């Protein structure tokens, strides 16, 4: 499960988030913004619009990551 907490500006406290911007989703998932936009265009990641802002629910980001192919090699449980 993806942790839906992001570090604050000073790095001390964390806050629970219910929606992520494209930039935040990329940071949380440890992928590039381009990867997020490609996934949105291909339909493998779902987003919503709030005015002009594109927002991604953490559960949608989790489904996207769960759907990524496993690294070839020795199989591991839970993708770890």
PDB file of N, CA and C in Angstrom:
ATOM      1  N   UNK A   1       0.839  -1.187   0.000  1.00  0.00           N
ATOM      2  CA  UNK A   1       0.000   0.000   0.000  1.00  0.00           C
ATOM      3  C   UNK A   1       0.880   1.246   0.000  1.00  0.00           C
ATOM      4  N   UNK A   2       0.533   2.194  -0.803  1.00  0.00           N
ATOM      5  CA  UNK A   2       1.253   3.462  -0.854  1.00  0.00           C
ATOM      6  C   UNK A   2       0.895   4.278   0.377  1.00  0.00           C
ATOM      7  N   UNK A   3       1.920   4.812   1.024  1.00  0.00           N
ATOM      8  CA  UNK A   3       1.666   5.742   2.116  1.00  0.00           C
ATOM      9  C   UNK A   3       1.182   7.046   1.516  1.00  0.00           C
ATOM     10  N   UNK A   4       0.091   7.559   2.027  1.00  0.00           N
ATOM     11  CA  UNK A   4      -0.465   8.797   1.480  1.00  0.00           C
ATOM     12  C   UNK A   4      -0.080   9.984   2.348  1.00  0.00           C
ATOM     13  N   UNK A   5       1.189  10.011   2.722  1.00  0.00           N
ATOM     14  CA  UNK A   5       1.711  11.124   3.490  1.00  0.00           C
ATOM     15  C   UNK A   5       2.850  11.748   2.705  1.00  0.00           C
ATOM     16  N   UNK A   6       2.942  13.054   2.771  1.00  0.00           N
ATOM     17  CA  UNK A   6       4.021  13.768   2.107  1.00  0.00           C
ATOM     18  C   UNK A   6       4.765  14.591   3.135  1.00  0.00           C
ATOM     19  N   UNK A   7       6.081  14.706   3.006  1.00  0.00           N
ATOM     20  CA  UNK A   7       6.822  15.544   3.946  1.00  0.00           C
ATOM     21  C   UNK A   7       6.454  17.011   3.777  1.00  0.00           C
ATOM     22  N   UNK A   8       6.465  17.725   4.875  1.00  0.00           N
ATOM     23  CA  UNK A   8       6.198  19.165   4.802  1.00  0.00           C
ATOM     24  C   UNK A   8       7.430  19.861   4.245  1.00  0.00           C
ATOM     25  N   UNK A   9       7.309  21.146   4.029  1.00  0.00           N
ATOM     26  CA  UNK A   9       8.415  21.922   3.462  1.00  0.00           C
ATOM     27  C   UNK A   9       9.675  21.825   4.307  1.00  0.00           C
ATOM     28  N   UNK A  10       9.522  21.834   5.637  1.00  0.00           N
ATOM     29  CA  UNK A  10      10.700  21.771   6.500  1.00  0.00           C
ATOM     30  C   UNK A  10      11.142  20.340   6.779  1.00  0.00           C
ATOM     31  N   UNK A  11      10.396  19.352   6.273  1.00  0.00           N
ATOM     32  CA  UNK A  11      10.773  17.956   6.411  1.00  0.00           C
ATOM     33  C   UNK A  11      10.485  17.353   7.772  1.00  0.00           C
ATOM     34  N   UNK A  12       9.868  18.100   8.673  1.00  0.00           N
ATOM     35  CA  UNK A  12       9.646  17.606  10.028  1.00  0.00           C
ATOM     36  C   UNK A  12       8.351  16.830  10.182  1.00  0.00           C
ATOM     37  N   UNK A  13       7.252  17.393   9.737  1.00  0.00           N
ATOM     38  CA  UNK A  13       5.962  16.731   9.945  1.00  0.00           C
ATOM     39  C   UNK A  13       5.436  16.210   8.623  1.00  0.00           C
ATOM     40  N   UNK A  14       4.535  15.253   8.724  1.00  0.00           N
ATOM     41  CA  UNK A  14       3.898  14.718   7.532  1.00  0.00           C
ATOM     42  C   UNK A  14       2.399  14.902   7.670  1.00  0.00           C
ATOM     43  N   UNK A  15       1.735  15.014   6.541  1.00  0.00           N
ATOM     44  CA  UNK A  15       0.303  15.214   6.556  1.00  0.00           C
ATOM     45  C   UNK A  15      -0.375  14.202   5.638  1.00  0.00           C
ATOM     46  N   UNK A  16      -1.541  13.757   6.046  1.00  0.00           N
ATOM     47  CA  UNK A  16      -2.316  12.818   5.257  1.00  0.00           C
ATOM     48  C   UNK A  16      -2.929  13.561   4.077  1.00  0.00           C
ATOM     49  N   UNK A  17      -2.823  12.975   2.886  1.00  0.00           N
ATOM     50  CA  UNK A  17      -3.397  13.609   1.702  1.00  0.00           C
ATOM     51  C   UNK A  17      -4.409  12.672   1.053  1.00  0.00           C
ATOM     52  N   UNK A  18      -5.436  13.233   0.477  1.00  0.00           N
ATOM     53  CA  UNK A  18      -6.489  12.463  -0.159  1.00  0.00           C
ATOM     54  C   UNK A  18      -6.437  12.545  -1.671  1.00  0.00           C
ATOM     55  N   UNK A  19      -5.681  13.495  -2.188  1.00  0.00           N
ATOM     56  CA  UNK A  19      -5.514  13.644  -3.628  1.00  0.00           C
ATOM     57  C   UNK A  19      -4.120  14.182  -3.882  1.00  0.00           C
ATOM     58  N   UNK A  20      -3.551  13.765  -4.995  1.00  0.00           N
ATOM     59  CA  UNK A  20      -2.192  14.149  -5.347  1.00  0.00           C
ATOM     60  C   UNK A  20      -2.192  14.893  -6.668  1.00  0.00           C
ATOM     61  N   UNK A  21      -1.328  15.889  -6.776  1.00  0.00           N
ATOM     62  CA  UNK A  21      -1.108  16.505  -8.082  1.00  0.00           C
ATOM     63  C   UNK A  21      -0.249  15.534  -8.900  1.00  0.00           C
ATOM     64  N   UNK A  22      -0.089  15.809 -10.173  1.00  0.00           N
ATOM     65  CA  UNK A  22       0.761  14.968 -11.018  1.00  0.00           C
ATOM     66  C   UNK A  22       2.179  14.950 -10.458  1.00  0.00           C
ATOM     67  N   UNK A  23       2.677  16.093 -10.056  1.00  0.00           N
ATOM     68  CA  UNK A  23       4.027  16.184  -9.505  1.00  0.00           C
ATOM     69  C   UNK A  23       4.164  15.362  -8.228  1.00  0.00           C
ATOM     70  N   UNK A  24       3.173  15.469  -7.333  1.00  0.00           N
ATOM     71  CA  UNK A  24       3.205  14.710  -6.085  1.00  0.00           C
ATOM     72  C   UNK A  24       3.105  13.214  -6.337  1.00  0.00           C
ATOM     73  N   UNK A  25       2.232  12.819  -7.277  1.00  0.00           N
ATOM     74  CA  UNK A  25       2.086  11.397  -7.604  1.00  0.00           C
ATOM     75  C   UNK A  25       3.402  10.830  -8.124  1.00  0.00           C
ATOM     76  N   UNK A  26       4.087  11.598  -8.960  1.00  0.00           N
ATOM     77  CA  UNK A  26       5.379  11.152  -9.488  1.00  0.00           C
ATOM     78  C   UNK A  26       6.386  11.006  -8.354  1.00  0.00           C
ATOM     79  N   UNK A  27       6.378  11.941  -7.442  1.00  0.00           N
ATOM     80  CA  UNK A  27       7.318  11.893  -6.316  1.00  0.00           C
ATOM     81  C   UNK A  27       7.035  10.690  -5.415  1.00  0.00           C
ATOM     82  N   UNK A  28       5.771  10.483  -5.089  1.00  0.00           N
ATOM     83  CA  UNK A  28       5.382   9.372  -4.217  1.00  0.00           C
ATOM     84  C   UNK A  28       5.705   8.026  -4.871  1.00  0.00           C
ATOM     85  N   UNK A  29       5.417   7.908  -6.166  1.00  0.00           N
ATOM     86  CA  UNK A  29       5.633   6.650  -6.881  1.00  0.00           C
ATOM     87  C   UNK A  29       7.078   6.470  -7.335  1.00  0.00           C
ATOM     88  N   UNK A  30       7.891   7.504  -7.179  1.00  0.00           N
ATOM     89  CA  UNK A  30       9.295   7.466  -7.590  1.00  0.00           C
ATOM     90  C   UNK A  30       9.455   7.230  -9.092  1.00  0.00           C
ATOM     91  N   UNK A  31       8.601   7.920  -9.856  1.00  0.00           N
ATOM     92  CA  UNK A  31       8.683   7.895 -11.314  1.00  0.00           C
ATOM     93  C   UNK A  31       8.687   9.334 -11.807  1.00  0.00           C
ATOM     94  N   UNK A  32       8.917   9.523 -13.090  1.00  0.00           N
ATOM     95  CA  UNK A  32       8.936  10.878 -13.640  1.00  0.00           C
ATOM     96  C   UNK A  32       7.510  11.381 -13.892  1.00  0.00           C
ATOM     97  N   UNK A  33       7.396  12.700 -14.032  1.00  0.00           N
ATOM     98  CA  UNK A  33       6.100  13.289 -14.412  1.00  0.00           C
ATOM     99  C   UNK A  33       5.672  12.761 -15.768  1.00  0.00           C
ATOM    100  N   UNK A  34       6.637  12.572 -16.672  1.00  0.00           N
ATOM    101  CA  UNK A  34       6.314  12.045 -18.004  1.00  0.00           C
ATOM    102  C   UNK A  34       5.677  10.666 -17.913  1.00  0.00           C
ATOM    103  N   UNK A  35       6.172   9.833 -16.998  1.00  0.00           N
ATOM    104  CA  UNK A  35       5.589   8.502 -16.808  1.00  0.00           C
ATOM    105  C   UNK A  35       4.143   8.612 -16.361  1.00  0.00           C
ATOM    106  N   UNK A  36       3.872   9.546 -15.459  1.00  0.00           N
ATOM    107  CA  UNK A  36       2.495   9.752 -14.986  1.00  0.00           C
ATOM    108  C   UNK A  36       1.611  10.215 -16.144  1.00  0.00           C
ATOM    109  N   UNK A  37       2.082  11.203 -16.921  1.00  0.00           N
ATOM    110  CA  UNK A  37       1.281  11.693 -18.046  1.00  0.00           C
ATOM    111  C   UNK A  37       1.067  10.615 -19.106  1.00  0.00           C
ATOM    112  N   UNK A  38       2.074   9.799 -19.378  1.00  0.00           N
ATOM    113  CA  UNK A  38       1.909   8.693 -20.337  1.00  0.00           C
ATOM    114  C   UNK A  38       0.868   7.692 -19.838  1.00  0.00           C
ATOM    115  N   UNK A  39       0.896   7.389 -18.549  1.00  0.00           N
ATOM    116  CA  UNK A  39      -0.087   6.462 -17.973  1.00  0.00           C
ATOM    117  C   UNK A  39      -1.494   7.051 -18.043  1.00  0.00           C
ATOM    118  N   UNK A  40      -1.613   8.356 -17.832  1.00  0.00           N
ATOM    119  CA  UNK A  40      -2.923   9.000 -17.941  1.00  0.00           C
ATOM    120  C   UNK A  40      -3.439   8.931 -19.377  1.00  0.00           C
ATOM    121  N   UNK A  41      -2.556   9.220 -20.349  1.00  0.00           N
ATOM    122  CA  UNK A  41      -2.964   9.182 -21.756  1.00  0.00           C
ATOM    123  C   UNK A  41      -3.366   7.778 -22.206  1.00  0.00           C
ATOM    124  N   UNK A  42      -2.650   6.767 -21.707  1.00  0.00           N
ATOM    125  CA  UNK A  42      -2.936   5.388 -22.123  1.00  0.00           C
ATOM    126  C   UNK A  42      -4.117   4.783 -21.373  1.00  0.00           C
ATOM    127  N   UNK A  43      -4.552   5.439 -20.305  1.00  0.00           N
ATOM    128  CA  UNK A  43      -5.681   4.930 -19.537  1.00  0.00           C
ATOM    129  C   UNK A  43      -5.290   3.968 -18.428  1.00  0.00           C
ATOM    130  N   UNK A  44      -3.997   3.733 -18.221  1.00  0.00           N
ATOM    131  CA  UNK A  44      -3.589   2.830 -17.144  1.00  0.00           C
ATOM    132  C   UNK A  44      -3.596   3.517 -15.782  1.00  0.00           C
ATOM    133  N   UNK A  45      -3.747   4.828 -15.767  1.00  0.00           N
ATOM    134  CA  UNK A  45      -3.876   5.593 -14.528  1.00  0.00           C
ATOM    135  C   UNK A  45      -5.044   6.547 -14.695  1.00  0.00           C
ATOM    136  N   UNK A  46      -5.881   6.613 -13.690  1.00  0.00           N
ATOM    137  CA  UNK A  46      -7.067   7.464 -13.720  1.00  0.00           C
ATOM    138  C   UNK A  46      -6.809   8.742 -12.925  1.00  0.00           C
ATOM    139  N   UNK A  47      -7.297   9.836 -13.430  1.00  0.00           N
ATOM    140  CA  UNK A  47      -7.202  11.117 -12.723  1.00  0.00           C
ATOM    141  C   UNK A  47      -8.538  11.833 -12.816  1.00  0.00           C
ATOM    142  N   UNK A  48      -8.665  12.858 -12.037  1.00  0.00           N
ATOM    143  CA  UNK A  48      -9.857  13.688 -12.042  1.00  0.00           C
ATOM    144  C   UNK A  48      -9.424  15.134 -12.236  1.00  0.00           C
ATOM    145  N   UNK A  49     -10.354  15.957 -12.629  1.00  0.00           N
ATOM    146  CA  UNK A  49     -10.060  17.376 -12.826  1.00  0.00           C
ATOM    147  C   UNK A  49     -10.792  18.187 -11.761  1.00  0.00           C
ATOM    148  N   UNK A  50     -10.069  19.114 -11.166  1.00  0.00           N
ATOM    149  CA  UNK A  50     -10.636  20.093 -10.248  1.00  0.00           C
ATOM    150  C   UNK A  50     -10.265  21.445 -10.836  1.00  0.00           C
ATOM    151  N   UNK A  51     -11.184  21.991 -11.613  1.00  0.00           N
ATOM    152  CA  UNK A  51     -10.850  23.200 -12.364  1.00  0.00           C
ATOM    153  C   UNK A  51      -9.809  22.835 -13.400  1.00  0.00           C
ATOM    154  N   UNK A  52      -8.679  23.510 -13.389  1.00  0.00           N
ATOM    155  CA  UNK A  52      -7.599  23.209 -14.340  1.00  0.00           C
ATOM    156  C   UNK A  52      -6.613  22.182 -13.782  1.00  0.00           C
ATOM    157  N   UNK A  53      -6.727  21.897 -12.497  1.00  0.00           N
ATOM    158  CA  UNK A  53      -5.773  21.000 -11.846  1.00  0.00           C
ATOM    159  C   UNK A  53      -6.152  19.534 -12.057  1.00  0.00           C
ATOM    160  N   UNK A  54      -5.164  18.728 -12.389  1.00  0.00           N
ATOM    161  CA  UNK A  54      -5.341  17.286 -12.506  1.00  0.00           C
ATOM    162  C   UNK A  54      -4.971  16.680 -11.163  1.00  0.00           C
ATOM    163  N   UNK A  55      -5.890  15.902 -10.589  1.00  0.00           N
ATOM    164  CA  UNK A  55      -5.616  15.269  -9.310  1.00  0.00           C
ATOM    165  C   UNK A  55      -5.755  13.754  -9.428  1.00  0.00           C
ATOM    166  N   UNK A  56      -4.941  13.072  -8.667  1.00  0.00           N
ATOM    167  CA  UNK A  56      -4.894  11.611  -8.700  1.00  0.00           C
ATOM    168  C   UNK A  56      -5.157  11.105  -7.290  1.00  0.00           C
ATOM    169  N   UNK A  57      -6.110  10.204  -7.152  1.00  0.00           N
ATOM    170  CA  UNK A  57      -6.391   9.600  -5.855  1.00  0.00           C
ATOM    171  C   UNK A  57      -5.310   8.570  -5.540  1.00  0.00           C
ATOM    172  N   UNK A  58      -4.867   8.520  -4.293  1.00  0.00           N
ATOM    173  CA  UNK A  58      -3.851   7.531  -3.930  1.00  0.00           C
ATOM    174  C   UNK A  58      -4.245   6.097  -4.293  1.00  0.00           C
ATOM    175  N   UNK A  59      -5.525   5.757  -4.189  1.00  0.00           N
ATOM    176  CA  UNK A  59      -5.957   4.395  -4.545  1.00  0.00           C
ATOM    177  C   UNK A  59      -5.768   4.136  -6.037  1.00  0.00           C
ATOM    178  N   UNK A  60      -5.972   5.147  -6.884  1.00  0.00           N
ATOM    179  CA  UNK A  60      -5.735   4.995  -8.319  1.00  0.00           C
ATOM    180  C   UNK A  60      -4.246   4.830  -8.602  1.00  0.00           C
ATOM    181  N   UNK A  61      -3.421   5.581  -7.875  1.00  0.00           N
ATOM    182  CA  UNK A  61      -1.977   5.457  -8.044  1.00  0.00           C
ATOM    183  C   UNK A  61      -1.511   4.072  -7.605  1.00  0.00           C
ATOM    184  N   UNK A  62      -2.090   3.556  -6.523  1.00  0.00           N
ATOM    185  CA  UNK A  62      -1.752   2.211  -6.044  1.00  0.00           C
ATOM    186  C   UNK A  62      -2.096   1.167  -7.105  1.00  0.00           C
ATOM    187  N   UNK A  63      -3.288   1.282  -7.721  1.00  0.00           N
ATOM    188  CA  UNK A  63      -3.691   0.335  -8.775  1.00  0.00           C
ATOM    189  C   UNK A  63      -2.729   0.400  -9.958  1.00  0.00           C
ATOM    190  N   UNK A  64      -2.302   1.605 -10.321  1.00  0.00           N
ATOM    191  CA  UNK A  64      -1.347   1.768 -11.412  1.00  0.00           C
ATOM    192  C   UNK A  64      -0.043   1.043 -11.091  1.00  0.00           C
ATOM    193  N   UNK A  65       0.479   1.254  -9.899  1.00  0.00           N
ATOM    194  CA  UNK A  65       1.740   0.623  -9.512  1.00  0.00           C
ATOM    195  C   UNK A  65       1.578  -0.893  -9.429  1.00  0.00           C
ATOM    196  N   UNK A  66       0.464  -1.344  -8.879  1.00  0.00           N
ATOM    197  CA  UNK A  66       0.219  -2.788  -8.801  1.00  0.00           C
ATOM    198  C   UNK A  66       0.139  -3.423 -10.183  1.00  0.00           C
ATOM    199  N   UNK A  67      -0.262  -2.657 -11.184  1.00  0.00           N
ATOM    200  CA  UNK A  67      -0.397  -3.175 -12.542  1.00  0.00           C
ATOM    201  C   UNK A  67       0.891  -3.155 -13.349  1.00  0.00           C
ATOM    202  N   UNK A  68       1.941  -2.547 -12.799  1.00  0.00           N
ATOM    203  CA  UNK A  68       3.217  -2.524 -13.515  1.00  0.00           C
ATOM    204  C   UNK A  68       3.806  -3.929 -13.565  1.00  0.00           C
ATOM    205  N   UNK A  69       4.554  -4.241 -14.622  1.00  0.00           N
ATOM    206  CA  UNK A  69       5.139  -5.586 -14.708  1.00  0.00           C
ATOM    207  C   UNK A  69       6.178  -5.797 -13.612  1.00  0.00           C
ATOM    208  N   UNK A  70       6.275  -7.038 -13.165  1.00  0.00           N
ATOM    209  CA  UNK A  70       7.284  -7.384 -12.179  1.00  0.00           C
ATOM    210  C   UNK A  70       8.654  -7.365 -12.818  1.00  0.00           C
ATOM    211  N   UNK A  71       9.647  -7.076 -12.033  1.00  0.00           N
ATOM    212  CA  UNK A  71      11.028  -7.093 -12.489  1.00  0.00           C
ATOM    213  C   UNK A  71      11.390  -8.531 -12.854  1.00  0.00           C
ATOM    214  N   UNK A  72      11.980  -8.734 -14.047  1.00  0.00           N
ATOM    215  CA  UNK A  72      12.310 -10.105 -14.421  1.00  0.00           C
ATOM    216  C   UNK A  72      13.413 -10.657 -13.519  1.00  0.00           C
ATOM    217  N   UNK A  73      13.260 -11.865 -13.174  1.00  0.00           N
ATOM    218  CA  UNK A  73      14.229 -12.488 -12.284  1.00  0.00           C
ATOM    219  C   UNK A  73      13.486 -13.333 -11.273  1.00  0.00           C
ATOM    220  N   UNK A  74      14.100 -13.527 -10.156  1.00  0.00           N
ATOM    221  CA  UNK A  74      13.491 -14.345  -9.131  1.00  0.00           C
ATOM    222  C   UNK A  74      12.202 -13.693  -8.642  1.00  0.00           C
ATOM    223  N   UNK A  75      11.099 -14.436  -8.692  1.00  0.00           N
ATOM    224  CA  UNK A  75       9.800 -13.915  -8.272  1.00  0.00           C
ATOM    225  C   UNK A  75       9.807 -13.654  -6.770  1.00  0.00           C
ATOM    226  N   UNK A  76       9.162 -12.562  -6.387  1.00  0.00           N
ATOM    227  CA  UNK A  76       9.042 -12.246  -4.963  1.00  0.00           C
ATOM    228  C   UNK A  76       7.566 -12.035  -4.648  1.00  0.00           C
ATOM    229  N   UNK A  77       7.229 -12.257  -3.409  1.00  0.00           N
ATOM    230  CA  UNK A  77       5.866 -12.056  -2.968  1.00  0.00           C
ATOM    231  C   UNK A  77       5.603 -10.564  -2.762  1.00  0.00           C
ATOM    232  N   UNK A  78       4.466 -10.086  -3.199  1.00  0.00           N
ATOM    233  CA  UNK A  78       4.060  -8.702  -2.970  1.00  0.00           C
ATOM    234  C   UNK A  78       4.856  -7.658  -3.731  1.00  0.00           C
ATOM    235  N   UNK A  79       5.652  -8.070  -4.698  1.00  0.00           N
ATOM    236  CA  UNK A  79       6.389  -7.116  -5.506  1.00  0.00           C
ATOM    237  C   UNK A  79       7.538  -6.451  -4.789  1.00  0.00           C
ATOM    238  N   UNK A  80       7.977  -7.000  -3.663  1.00  0.00           N
ATOM    239  CA  UNK A  80       9.083  -6.383  -2.907  1.00  0.00           C
ATOM    240  C   UNK A  80      10.412  -6.965  -3.315  1.00  0.00           C
TER     241      UNK A  80
END
